[in-house]
PDB file of N, CA and C in Angstrom:
ATOM      1  N   UNK A   1     109.597 -22.006   7.656  1.00  0.00           N
ATOM      2  CA  UNK A   1     108.236 -22.347   7.251  1.00  0.00           C
ATOM      3  C   UNK A   1     108.019 -23.833   7.504  1.00  0.00           C
ATOM      4  N   UNK A   2     106.884 -24.168   8.090  1.00  0.00           N
ATOM      5  CA  UNK A   2     106.562 -25.557   8.376  1.00  0.00           C
ATOM      6  C   UNK A   2     106.082 -26.315   7.140  1.00  0.00           C
ATOM      7  N   UNK A   3     106.034 -27.618   7.277  1.00  0.00           N
ATOM      8  CA  UNK A   3     105.640 -28.492   6.174  1.00  0.00           C
ATOM      9  C   UNK A   3     104.250 -28.154   5.642  1.00  0.00           C
ATOM     10  N   UNK A   4     103.267 -27.996   6.535  1.00  0.00           N
ATOM     11  CA  UNK A   4     101.898 -27.731   6.091  1.00  0.00           C
ATOM     12  C   UNK A   4     101.772 -26.375   5.414  1.00  0.00           C
ATOM     13  N   UNK A   5     102.470 -25.365   5.911  1.00  0.00           N
ATOM     14  CA  UNK A   5     102.427 -24.057   5.257  1.00  0.00           C
ATOM     15  C   UNK A   5     103.014 -24.148   3.856  1.00  0.00           C
ATOM     16  N   UNK A   6     104.087 -24.921   3.697  1.00  0.00           N
ATOM     17  CA  UNK A   6     104.731 -25.112   2.398  1.00  0.00           C
ATOM     18  C   UNK A   6     103.781 -25.789   1.417  1.00  0.00           C
ATOM     19  N   UNK A   7     103.026 -26.758   1.887  1.00  0.00           N
ATOM     20  CA  UNK A   7     102.050 -27.441   1.029  1.00  0.00           C
ATOM     21  C   UNK A   7     101.018 -26.445   0.518  1.00  0.00           C
ATOM     22  N   UNK A   8     100.494 -25.612   1.397  1.00  0.00           N
ATOM     23  CA  UNK A   8      99.457 -24.658   0.997  1.00  0.00           C
ATOM     24  C   UNK A   8      99.973 -23.669  -0.039  1.00  0.00           C
ATOM     25  N   UNK A   9     101.228 -23.262   0.073  1.00  0.00           N
ATOM     26  CA  UNK A   9     101.780 -22.299  -0.876  1.00  0.00           C
ATOM     27  C   UNK A   9     101.985 -22.948  -2.243  1.00  0.00           C
ATOM     28  N   UNK A  10     102.521 -24.152  -2.279  1.00  0.00           N
ATOM     29  CA  UNK A  10     102.878 -24.772  -3.550  1.00  0.00           C
ATOM     30  C   UNK A  10     101.740 -25.543  -4.211  1.00  0.00           C
ATOM     31  N   UNK A  11     100.924 -26.194  -3.452  1.00  0.00           N
ATOM     32  CA  UNK A  11      99.879 -27.031  -4.053  1.00  0.00           C
ATOM     33  C   UNK A  11      98.513 -26.367  -3.945  1.00  0.00           C
ATOM     34  N   UNK A  12      98.111 -26.074  -2.747  1.00  0.00           N
ATOM     35  CA  UNK A  12      96.860 -25.368  -2.549  1.00  0.00           C
ATOM     36  C   UNK A  12      95.640 -26.255  -2.459  1.00  0.00           C
ATOM     37  N   UNK A  13      94.606 -25.641  -1.958  1.00  0.00           N
ATOM     38  CA  UNK A  13      93.310 -26.301  -1.835  1.00  0.00           C
ATOM     39  C   UNK A  13      92.583 -26.142  -3.153  1.00  0.00           C
ATOM     40  N   UNK A  14      92.009 -27.218  -3.611  1.00  0.00           N
ATOM     41  CA  UNK A  14      91.278 -27.228  -4.863  1.00  0.00           C
ATOM     42  C   UNK A  14      89.933 -27.902  -4.660  1.00  0.00           C
ATOM     43  N   UNK A  15      89.105 -27.820  -5.659  1.00  0.00           N
ATOM     44  CA  UNK A  15      87.862 -28.581  -5.687  1.00  0.00           C
ATOM     45  C   UNK A  15      88.119 -29.897  -6.407  1.00  0.00           C
ATOM     46  N   UNK A  16      87.515 -30.952  -5.905  1.00  0.00           N
ATOM     47  CA  UNK A  16      87.539 -32.243  -6.592  1.00  0.00           C
ATOM     48  C   UNK A  16      86.141 -32.446  -7.144  1.00  0.00           C
ATOM     49  N   UNK A  17      86.043 -32.603  -8.452  1.00  0.00           N
ATOM     50  CA  UNK A  17      84.760 -32.785  -9.121  1.00  0.00           C
ATOM     51  C   UNK A  17      84.732 -34.196  -9.698  1.00  0.00           C
ATOM     52  N   UNK A  18      83.747 -34.977  -9.295  1.00  0.00           N
ATOM     53  CA  UNK A  18      83.540 -36.312  -9.861  1.00  0.00           C
ATOM     54  C   UNK A  18      82.242 -36.271 -10.651  1.00  0.00           C
ATOM     55  N   UNK A  19      82.330 -36.636 -11.916  1.00  0.00           N
ATOM     56  CA  UNK A  19      81.134 -36.663 -12.764  1.00  0.00           C
ATOM     57  C   UNK A  19      80.991 -38.075 -13.313  1.00  0.00           C
ATOM     58  N   UNK A  20      79.825 -38.657 -13.103  1.00  0.00           N
ATOM     59  CA  UNK A  20      79.520 -40.003 -13.603  1.00  0.00           C
ATOM     60  C   UNK A  20      78.338 -39.860 -14.549  1.00  0.00           C
ATOM     61  N   UNK A  21      78.498 -40.361 -15.765  1.00  0.00           N
ATOM     62  CA  UNK A  21      77.449 -40.184 -16.772  1.00  0.00           C
ATOM     63  C   UNK A  21      77.513 -41.306 -17.797  1.00  0.00           C
ATOM     64  N   UNK A  22      76.433 -41.470 -18.521  1.00  0.00           N
ATOM     65  CA  UNK A  22      76.345 -42.478 -19.572  1.00  0.00           C
ATOM     66  C   UNK A  22      77.365 -42.190 -20.671  1.00  0.00           C
ATOM     67  N   UNK A  23      77.953 -43.250 -21.218  1.00  0.00           N
ATOM     68  CA  UNK A  23      78.895 -43.096 -22.333  1.00  0.00           C
ATOM     69  C   UNK A  23      78.273 -42.316 -23.489  1.00  0.00           C
ATOM     70  N   UNK A  24      76.981 -42.375 -23.612  1.00  0.00           N
ATOM     71  CA  UNK A  24      76.284 -41.734 -24.725  1.00  0.00           C
ATOM     72  C   UNK A  24      76.450 -40.223 -24.749  1.00  0.00           C
ATOM     73  N   UNK A  25      76.762 -39.606 -23.617  1.00  0.00           N
ATOM     74  CA  UNK A  25      76.868 -38.140 -23.568  1.00  0.00           C
ATOM     75  C   UNK A  25      78.306 -37.647 -23.404  1.00  0.00           C
ATOM     76  N   UNK A  26      79.281 -38.516 -23.505  1.00  0.00           N
ATOM     77  CA  UNK A  26      80.681 -38.101 -23.307  1.00  0.00           C
ATOM     78  C   UNK A  26      81.108 -37.016 -24.301  1.00  0.00           C
ATOM     79  N   UNK A  27      80.766 -37.172 -25.556  1.00  0.00           N
ATOM     80  CA  UNK A  27      81.167 -36.172 -26.558  1.00  0.00           C
ATOM     81  C   UNK A  27      80.620 -34.790 -26.207  1.00  0.00           C
ATOM     82  N   UNK A  28      79.413 -34.739 -25.674  1.00  0.00           N
ATOM     83  CA  UNK A  28      78.827 -33.454 -25.286  1.00  0.00           C
ATOM     84  C   UNK A  28      79.590 -32.831 -24.119  1.00  0.00           C
ATOM     85  N   UNK A  29      80.008 -33.647 -23.161  1.00  0.00           N
ATOM     86  CA  UNK A  29      80.806 -33.127 -22.048  1.00  0.00           C
ATOM     87  C   UNK A  29      82.126 -32.572 -22.566  1.00  0.00           C
ATOM     88  N   UNK A  30      82.794 -33.307 -23.416  1.00  0.00           N
ATOM     89  CA  UNK A  30      84.079 -32.862 -23.956  1.00  0.00           C
ATOM     90  C   UNK A  30      83.919 -31.543 -24.711  1.00  0.00           C
ATOM     91  N   UNK A  31      82.884 -31.438 -25.529  1.00  0.00           N
ATOM     92  CA  UNK A  31      82.638 -30.203 -26.285  1.00  0.00           C
ATOM     93  C   UNK A  31      82.378 -29.026 -25.348  1.00  0.00           C
ATOM     94  N   UNK A  32      81.581 -29.243 -24.314  1.00  0.00           N
ATOM     95  CA  UNK A  32      81.283 -28.182 -23.356  1.00  0.00           C
ATOM     96  C   UNK A  32      82.532 -27.778 -22.562  1.00  0.00           C
ATOM     97  N   UNK A  33      83.341 -28.767 -22.165  1.00  0.00           N
ATOM     98  CA  UNK A  33      84.577 -28.460 -21.454  1.00  0.00           C
ATOM     99  C   UNK A  33      85.474 -27.566 -22.307  1.00  0.00           C
ATOM    100  N   UNK A  34      85.622 -27.912 -23.589  1.00  0.00           N
ATOM    101  CA  UNK A  34      86.469 -27.118 -24.489  1.00  0.00           C
ATOM    102  C   UNK A  34      85.905 -25.718 -24.664  1.00  0.00           C
ATOM    103  N   UNK A  35      84.594 -25.623 -24.845  1.00  0.00           N
ATOM    104  CA  UNK A  35      83.954 -24.320 -25.043  1.00  0.00           C
ATOM    105  C   UNK A  35      84.145 -23.416 -23.825  1.00  0.00           C
ATOM    106  N   UNK A  36      84.057 -23.990 -22.627  1.00  0.00           N
ATOM    107  CA  UNK A  36      84.168 -23.209 -21.383  1.00  0.00           C
ATOM    108  C   UNK A  36      85.614 -23.094 -20.880  1.00  0.00           C
ATOM    109  N   UNK A  37      86.534 -23.814 -21.523  1.00  0.00           N
ATOM    110  CA  UNK A  37      87.935 -23.754 -21.113  1.00  0.00           C
ATOM    111  C   UNK A  37      88.213 -24.404 -19.774  1.00  0.00           C
ATOM    112  N   UNK A  38      87.531 -25.505 -19.492  1.00  0.00           N
ATOM    113  CA  UNK A  38      87.727 -26.233 -18.233  1.00  0.00           C
ATOM    114  C   UNK A  38      87.956 -27.719 -18.526  1.00  0.00           C
ATOM    115  N   UNK A  39      88.397 -28.440 -17.516  1.00  0.00           N
ATOM    116  CA  UNK A  39      88.513 -29.891 -17.639  1.00  0.00           C
ATOM    117  C   UNK A  39      89.630 -30.368 -18.537  1.00  0.00           C
ATOM    118  N   UNK A  40      90.640 -29.547 -18.786  1.00  0.00           N
ATOM    119  CA  UNK A  40      91.748 -29.959 -19.649  1.00  0.00           C
ATOM    120  C   UNK A  40      92.619 -31.011 -18.959  1.00  0.00           C
ATOM    121  N   UNK A  41      92.665 -30.955 -17.630  1.00  0.00           N
ATOM    122  CA  UNK A  41      93.417 -31.943 -16.853  1.00  0.00           C
ATOM    123  C   UNK A  41      92.417 -32.759 -16.064  1.00  0.00           C
ATOM    124  N   UNK A  42      92.398 -34.042 -16.298  1.00  0.00           N
ATOM    125  CA  UNK A  42      91.382 -34.903 -15.708  1.00  0.00           C
ATOM    126  C   UNK A  42      91.888 -36.324 -15.587  1.00  0.00           C
ATOM    127  N   UNK A  43      91.171 -37.115 -14.828  1.00  0.00           N
ATOM    128  CA  UNK A  43      91.339 -38.558 -14.804  1.00  0.00           C
ATOM    129  C   UNK A  43      90.046 -39.143 -15.347  1.00  0.00           C
ATOM    130  N   UNK A  44      90.174 -40.048 -16.307  1.00  0.00           N
ATOM    131  CA  UNK A  44      89.004 -40.650 -16.946  1.00  0.00           C
ATOM    132  C   UNK A  44      88.973 -42.137 -16.623  1.00  0.00           C
ATOM    133  N   UNK A  45      87.843 -42.574 -16.131  1.00  0.00           N
ATOM    134  CA  UNK A  45      87.618 -43.995 -15.883  1.00  0.00           C
ATOM    135  C   UNK A  45      86.549 -44.457 -16.861  1.00  0.00           C
ATOM    136  N   UNK A  46      86.908 -45.364 -17.736  1.00  0.00           N
ATOM    137  CA  UNK A  46      85.963 -45.884 -18.729  1.00  0.00           C
ATOM    138  C   UNK A  46      85.307 -47.155 -18.207  1.00  0.00           C
ATOM    139  N   UNK A  47      84.197 -47.498 -18.805  1.00  0.00           N
ATOM    140  CA  UNK A  47      83.480 -48.742 -18.482  1.00  0.00           C
ATOM    141  C   UNK A  47      83.138 -48.852 -16.999  1.00  0.00           C
ATOM    142  N   UNK A  48      82.551 -47.786 -16.476  1.00  0.00           N
ATOM    143  CA  UNK A  48      82.146 -47.738 -15.074  1.00  0.00           C
ATOM    144  C   UNK A  48      80.750 -48.336 -14.939  1.00  0.00           C
ATOM    145  N   UNK A  49      80.611 -49.291 -14.038  1.00  0.00           N
ATOM    146  CA  UNK A  49      79.320 -49.931 -13.804  1.00  0.00           C
ATOM    147  C   UNK A  49      78.693 -49.386 -12.534  1.00  0.00           C
ATOM    148  N   UNK A  50      77.357 -49.366 -12.505  1.00  0.00           N
ATOM    149  CA  UNK A  50      76.690 -48.937 -11.292  1.00  0.00           C
ATOM    150  C   UNK A  50      75.205 -48.742 -11.490  1.00  0.00           C
ATOM    151  N   UNK A  51      74.549 -48.446 -10.391  1.00  0.00           N
ATOM    152  CA  UNK A  51      73.113 -48.182 -10.392  1.00  0.00           C
ATOM    153  C   UNK A  51      72.868 -46.946  -9.545  1.00  0.00           C
ATOM    154  N   UNK A  52      72.086 -46.038 -10.083  1.00  0.00           N
ATOM    155  CA  UNK A  52      71.764 -44.808  -9.366  1.00  0.00           C
ATOM    156  C   UNK A  52      70.287 -44.534  -9.520  1.00  0.00           C
ATOM    157  N   UNK A  53      69.954 -43.291  -9.917  1.00  0.00           N
ATOM    158  CA  UNK A  53      68.556 -42.906 -10.048  1.00  0.00           C
ATOM    159  C   UNK A  53      68.004 -43.121 -11.448  1.00  0.00           C
ATOM    160  N   UNK A  54      68.857 -43.544 -12.383  1.00  0.00           N
ATOM    161  CA  UNK A  54      68.386 -43.905 -13.724  1.00  0.00           C
ATOM    162  C   UNK A  54      68.563 -45.415 -13.879  1.00  0.00           C
ATOM    163  N   UNK A  55      68.392 -45.914 -15.085  1.00  0.00           N
ATOM    164  CA  UNK A  55      68.577 -47.350 -15.308  1.00  0.00           C
ATOM    165  C   UNK A  55      70.006 -47.759 -14.947  1.00  0.00           C
ATOM    166  N   UNK A  56      70.153 -48.986 -14.404  1.00  0.00           N
ATOM    167  CA  UNK A  56      71.512 -49.469 -14.108  1.00  0.00           C
ATOM    168  C   UNK A  56      72.359 -49.518 -15.375  1.00  0.00           C
ATOM    169  N   UNK A  57      73.637 -49.336 -15.208  1.00  0.00           N
ATOM    170  CA  UNK A  57      74.606 -49.452 -16.306  1.00  0.00           C
ATOM    171  C   UNK A  57      75.602 -50.523 -15.862  1.00  0.00           C
ATOM    172  N   UNK A  58      75.372 -51.755 -16.293  1.00  0.00           N
ATOM    173  CA  UNK A  58      76.150 -52.883 -15.794  1.00  0.00           C
ATOM    174  C   UNK A  58      76.953 -53.603 -16.873  1.00  0.00           C
ATOM    175  N   UNK A  59      76.774 -53.228 -18.135  1.00  0.00           N
ATOM    176  CA  UNK A  59      77.550 -53.841 -19.205  1.00  0.00           C
ATOM    177  C   UNK A  59      77.273 -55.319 -19.409  1.00  0.00           C
ATOM    178  N   UNK A  60      76.082 -55.762 -19.036  1.00  0.00           N
ATOM    179  CA  UNK A  60      75.746 -57.174 -19.221  1.00  0.00           C
ATOM    180  C   UNK A  60      74.590 -57.313 -20.209  1.00  0.00           C
ATOM    181  N   UNK A  61      74.088 -58.520 -20.388  1.00  0.00           N
ATOM    182  CA  UNK A  61      73.027 -58.763 -21.368  1.00  0.00           C
ATOM    183  C   UNK A  61      71.717 -58.058 -20.988  1.00  0.00           C
ATOM    184  N   UNK A  62      71.467 -57.876 -19.725  1.00  0.00           N
ATOM    185  CA  UNK A  62      70.226 -57.248 -19.283  1.00  0.00           C
ATOM    186  C   UNK A  62      70.352 -55.724 -19.286  1.00  0.00           C
ATOM    187  N   UNK A  63      71.453 -55.199 -18.759  1.00  0.00           N
ATOM    188  CA  UNK A  63      71.713 -53.752 -18.707  1.00  0.00           C
ATOM    189  C   UNK A  63      73.032 -53.493 -19.446  1.00  0.00           C
ATOM    190  N   UNK A  64      72.994 -53.435 -20.770  1.00  0.00           N
ATOM    191  CA  UNK A  64      74.238 -53.408 -21.561  1.00  0.00           C
ATOM    192  C   UNK A  64      75.030 -52.096 -21.525  1.00  0.00           C
ATOM    193  N   UNK A  65      74.406 -50.990 -21.196  1.00  0.00           N
ATOM    194  CA  UNK A  65      75.138 -49.726 -21.225  1.00  0.00           C
ATOM    195  C   UNK A  65      76.132 -49.620 -20.066  1.00  0.00           C
ATOM    196  N   UNK A  66      77.121 -48.740 -20.261  1.00  0.00           N
ATOM    197  CA  UNK A  66      78.111 -48.462 -19.225  1.00  0.00           C
ATOM    198  C   UNK A  66      78.225 -46.957 -19.013  1.00  0.00           C
ATOM    199  N   UNK A  67      78.796 -46.575 -17.904  1.00  0.00           N
ATOM    200  CA  UNK A  67      79.035 -45.166 -17.588  1.00  0.00           C
ATOM    201  C   UNK A  67      80.495 -44.804 -17.811  1.00  0.00           C
ATOM    202  N   UNK A  68      80.755 -43.510 -17.757  1.00  0.00           N
ATOM    203  CA  UNK A  68      82.093 -42.945 -17.737  1.00  0.00           C
ATOM    204  C   UNK A  68      82.211 -42.195 -16.420  1.00  0.00           C
ATOM    205  N   UNK A  69      83.428 -41.994 -15.967  1.00  0.00           N
ATOM    206  CA  UNK A  69      83.640 -41.167 -14.789  1.00  0.00           C
ATOM    207  C   UNK A  69      84.849 -40.274 -15.036  1.00  0.00           C
ATOM    208  N   UNK A  70      84.662 -38.985 -14.805  1.00  0.00           N
ATOM    209  CA  UNK A  70      85.753 -38.023 -14.879  1.00  0.00           C
ATOM    210  C   UNK A  70      85.992 -37.474 -13.481  1.00  0.00           C
ATOM    211  N   UNK A  71      87.252 -37.390 -13.106  1.00  0.00           N
ATOM    212  CA  UNK A  71      87.649 -36.750 -11.859  1.00  0.00           C
ATOM    213  C   UNK A  71      88.513 -35.560 -12.255  1.00  0.00           C
ATOM    214  N   UNK A  72      88.112 -34.387 -11.811  1.00  0.00           N
ATOM    215  CA  UNK A  72      88.792 -33.156 -12.189  1.00  0.00           C
ATOM    216  C   UNK A  72      89.117 -32.379 -10.919  1.00  0.00           C
ATOM    217  N   UNK A  73      90.357 -31.954 -10.792  1.00  0.00           N
ATOM    218  CA  UNK A  73      90.778 -31.071  -9.706  1.00  0.00           C
ATOM    219  C   UNK A  73      90.919 -29.681 -10.295  1.00  0.00           C
ATOM    220  N   UNK A  74      90.256 -28.705  -9.689  1.00  0.00           N
ATOM    221  CA  UNK A  74      90.219 -27.382 -10.309  1.00  0.00           C
ATOM    222  C   UNK A  74      89.970 -26.287  -9.277  1.00  0.00           C
ATOM    223  N   UNK A  75      90.002 -25.060  -9.769  1.00  0.00           N
ATOM    224  CA  UNK A  75      89.727 -23.891  -8.933  1.00  0.00           C
ATOM    225  C   UNK A  75      88.227 -23.792  -8.669  1.00  0.00           C
ATOM    226  N   UNK A  76      87.882 -22.929  -7.737  1.00  0.00           N
ATOM    227  CA  UNK A  76      86.468 -22.668  -7.430  1.00  0.00           C
ATOM    228  C   UNK A  76      85.750 -22.119  -8.670  1.00  0.00           C
ATOM    229  N   UNK A  77      86.439 -21.252  -9.402  1.00  0.00           N
ATOM    230  CA  UNK A  77      85.859 -20.652 -10.612  1.00  0.00           C
ATOM    231  C   UNK A  77      85.571 -21.707 -11.675  1.00  0.00           C
ATOM    232  N   UNK A  78      86.539 -22.592 -11.925  1.00  0.00           N
ATOM    233  CA  UNK A  78      86.314 -23.657 -12.902  1.00  0.00           C
ATOM    234  C   UNK A  78      85.247 -24.636 -12.433  1.00  0.00           C
ATOM    235  N   UNK A  79      85.198 -24.873 -11.132  1.00  0.00           N
ATOM    236  CA  UNK A  79      84.175 -25.758 -10.566  1.00  0.00           C
ATOM    237  C   UNK A  79      82.780 -25.224 -10.875  1.00  0.00           C
ATOM    238  N   UNK A  80      82.594 -23.918 -10.724  1.00  0.00           N
ATOM    239  CA  UNK A  80      81.288 -23.308 -11.018  1.00  0.00           C
ATOM    240  C   UNK A  80      80.918 -23.500 -12.487  1.00  0.00           C
ATOM    241  N   UNK A  81      81.895 -23.397 -13.375  1.00  0.00           N
ATOM    242  CA  UNK A  81      81.637 -23.609 -14.807  1.00  0.00           C
ATOM    243  C   UNK A  81      81.249 -25.064 -15.077  1.00  0.00           C
ATOM    244  N   UNK A  82      81.926 -25.987 -14.406  1.00  0.00           N
ATOM    245  CA  UNK A  82      81.613 -27.412 -14.585  1.00  0.00           C
ATOM    246  C   UNK A  82      80.213 -27.724 -14.071  1.00  0.00           C
ATOM    247  N   UNK A  83      79.835 -27.142 -12.940  1.00  0.00           N
ATOM    248  CA  UNK A  83      78.483 -27.343 -12.411  1.00  0.00           C
ATOM    249  C   UNK A  83      77.451 -26.851 -13.421  1.00  0.00           C
ATOM    250  N   UNK A  84      77.704 -25.707 -14.045  1.00  0.00           N
ATOM    251  CA  UNK A  84      76.780 -25.180 -15.055  1.00  0.00           C
ATOM    252  C   UNK A  84      76.680 -26.131 -16.248  1.00  0.00           C
ATOM    253  N   UNK A  85      77.787 -26.736 -16.641  1.00  0.00           N
ATOM    254  CA  UNK A  85      77.775 -27.712 -17.744  1.00  0.00           C
ATOM    255  C   UNK A  85      76.936 -28.921 -17.355  1.00  0.00           C
ATOM    256  N   UNK A  86      77.142 -29.418 -16.138  1.00  0.00           N
ATOM    257  CA  UNK A  86      76.378 -30.579 -15.658  1.00  0.00           C
ATOM    258  C   UNK A  86      74.887 -30.261 -15.666  1.00  0.00           C
ATOM    259  N   UNK A  87      74.512 -29.103 -15.159  1.00  0.00           N
ATOM    260  CA  UNK A  87      73.094 -28.727 -15.123  1.00  0.00           C
ATOM    261  C   UNK A  87      72.516 -28.611 -16.530  1.00  0.00           C
ATOM    262  N   UNK A  88      73.268 -28.039 -17.456  1.00  0.00           N
ATOM    263  CA  UNK A  88      72.816 -27.916 -18.845  1.00  0.00           C
ATOM    264  C   UNK A  88      72.584 -29.288 -19.470  1.00  0.00           C
ATOM    265  N   UNK A  89      73.544 -30.201 -19.288  1.00  0.00           N
ATOM    266  CA  UNK A  89      73.415 -31.521 -19.901  1.00  0.00           C
ATOM    267  C   UNK A  89      72.364 -32.382 -19.197  1.00  0.00           C
ATOM    268  N   UNK A  90      72.141 -32.147 -17.915  1.00  0.00           N
ATOM    269  CA  UNK A  90      71.042 -32.850 -17.227  1.00  0.00           C
ATOM    270  C   UNK A  90      69.696 -32.471 -17.842  1.00  0.00           C
ATOM    271  N   UNK A  91      69.525 -31.201 -18.159  1.00  0.00           N
ATOM    272  CA  UNK A  91      68.280 -30.756 -18.794  1.00  0.00           C
ATOM    273  C   UNK A  91      68.151 -31.332 -20.202  1.00  0.00           C
ATOM    274  N   UNK A  92      69.261 -31.366 -20.918  1.00  0.00           N
ATOM    275  CA  UNK A  92      69.254 -31.850 -22.301  1.00  0.00           C
ATOM    276  C   UNK A  92      69.045 -33.361 -22.378  1.00  0.00           C
ATOM    277  N   UNK A  93      69.592 -34.105 -21.412  1.00  0.00           N
ATOM    278  CA  UNK A  93      69.526 -35.575 -21.417  1.00  0.00           C
ATOM    279  C   UNK A  93      68.912 -36.058 -20.109  1.00  0.00           C
ATOM    280  N   UNK A  94      67.656 -35.775 -19.907  1.00  0.00           N
ATOM    281  CA  UNK A  94      66.986 -36.075 -18.639  1.00  0.00           C
ATOM    282  C   UNK A  94      67.003 -37.557 -18.272  1.00  0.00           C
ATOM    283  N   UNK A  95      66.931 -38.445 -19.233  1.00  0.00           N
ATOM    284  CA  UNK A  95      66.857 -39.870 -18.942  1.00  0.00           C
ATOM    285  C   UNK A  95      68.195 -40.567 -18.815  1.00  0.00           C
ATOM    286  N   UNK A  96      69.286 -39.873 -19.057  1.00  0.00           N
ATOM    287  CA  UNK A  96      70.597 -40.529 -19.090  1.00  0.00           C
ATOM    288  C   UNK A  96      71.231 -40.721 -17.719  1.00  0.00           C
ATOM    289  N   UNK A  97      70.898 -39.923 -16.768  1.00  0.00           N
ATOM    290  CA  UNK A  97      71.522 -40.053 -15.462  1.00  0.00           C
ATOM    291  C   UNK A  97      72.912 -39.443 -15.451  1.00  0.00           C
ATOM    292  N   UNK A  98      73.046 -38.287 -14.843  1.00  0.00           N
ATOM    293  CA  UNK A  98      74.332 -37.597 -14.726  1.00  0.00           C
ATOM    294  C   UNK A  98      74.508 -37.237 -13.252  1.00  0.00           C
ATOM    295  N   UNK A  99      75.521 -37.816 -12.633  1.00  0.00           N
ATOM    296  CA  UNK A  99      75.802 -37.538 -11.223  1.00  0.00           C
ATOM    297  C   UNK A  99      77.044 -36.661 -11.117  1.00  0.00           C
ATOM    298  N   UNK A 100      77.039 -35.747 -10.161  1.00  0.00           N
ATOM    299  CA  UNK A 100      78.180 -34.865  -9.964  1.00  0.00           C
ATOM    300  C   UNK A 100      78.390 -34.680  -8.468  1.00  0.00           C
ATOM    301  N   UNK A 101      79.624 -34.853  -8.020  1.00  0.00           N
ATOM    302  CA  UNK A 101      79.971 -34.714  -6.612  1.00  0.00           C
ATOM    303  C   UNK A 101      81.149 -33.761  -6.490  1.00  0.00           C
ATOM    304  N   UNK A 102      81.053 -32.826  -5.558  1.00  0.00           N
ATOM    305  CA  UNK A 102      82.087 -31.814  -5.341  1.00  0.00           C
ATOM    306  C   UNK A 102      82.615 -31.957  -3.918  1.00  0.00           C
ATOM    307  N   UNK A 103      83.936 -31.911  -3.779  1.00  0.00           N
ATOM    308  CA  UNK A 103      84.540 -31.925  -2.447  1.00  0.00           C
ATOM    309  C   UNK A 103      85.814 -31.084  -2.474  1.00  0.00           C
ATOM    310  N   UNK A 104      86.316 -30.790  -1.303  1.00  0.00           N
ATOM    311  CA  UNK A 104      87.575 -30.054  -1.174  1.00  0.00           C
ATOM    312  C   UNK A 104      88.719 -31.058  -1.219  1.00  0.00           C
ATOM    313  N   UNK A 105      89.865 -30.641  -1.751  1.00  0.00           N
ATOM    314  CA  UNK A 105      91.035 -31.506  -1.739  1.00  0.00           C
ATOM    315  C   UNK A 105      92.273 -30.639  -1.609  1.00  0.00           C
ATOM    316  N   UNK A 106      93.310 -31.236  -1.051  1.00  0.00           N
ATOM    317  CA  UNK A 106      94.585 -30.553  -0.925  1.00  0.00           C
ATOM    318  C   UNK A 106      95.650 -31.449  -1.514  1.00  0.00           C
ATOM    319  N   UNK A 107      96.387 -30.924  -2.471  1.00  0.00           N
ATOM    320  CA  UNK A 107      97.477 -31.674  -3.076  1.00  0.00           C
ATOM    321  C   UNK A 107      98.692 -31.589  -2.172  1.00  0.00           C
ATOM    322  N   UNK A 108      99.358 -32.720  -1.965  1.00  0.00           N
ATOM    323  CA  UNK A 108     100.560 -32.720  -1.126  1.00  0.00           C
ATOM    324  C   UNK A 108     101.756 -33.173  -1.927  1.00  0.00           C
TER     325      UNK A 108
END
């Protein structure tokens, strides 16, 4: 068996989900993840600064709020559940700005 075939058997192709959102809604994301049984393994980046389609989050005197960023590697099924959570919280918190990006990834 070649190296690449071995990688596919042991690691596999997964979805990479990046979610960027205001710190104000983090507790809601955590609660939804627990309820849906997803997002137990993640990378969390705190105090994320940036500007998107909502107010900038720069952590300074003018724009004091900050964002959070979660990176989650998961199955296609879990990815669909996470997308549903993002859509639900976008409706609930229209002014907060919630970004979600999905891509393919392969663990080596």
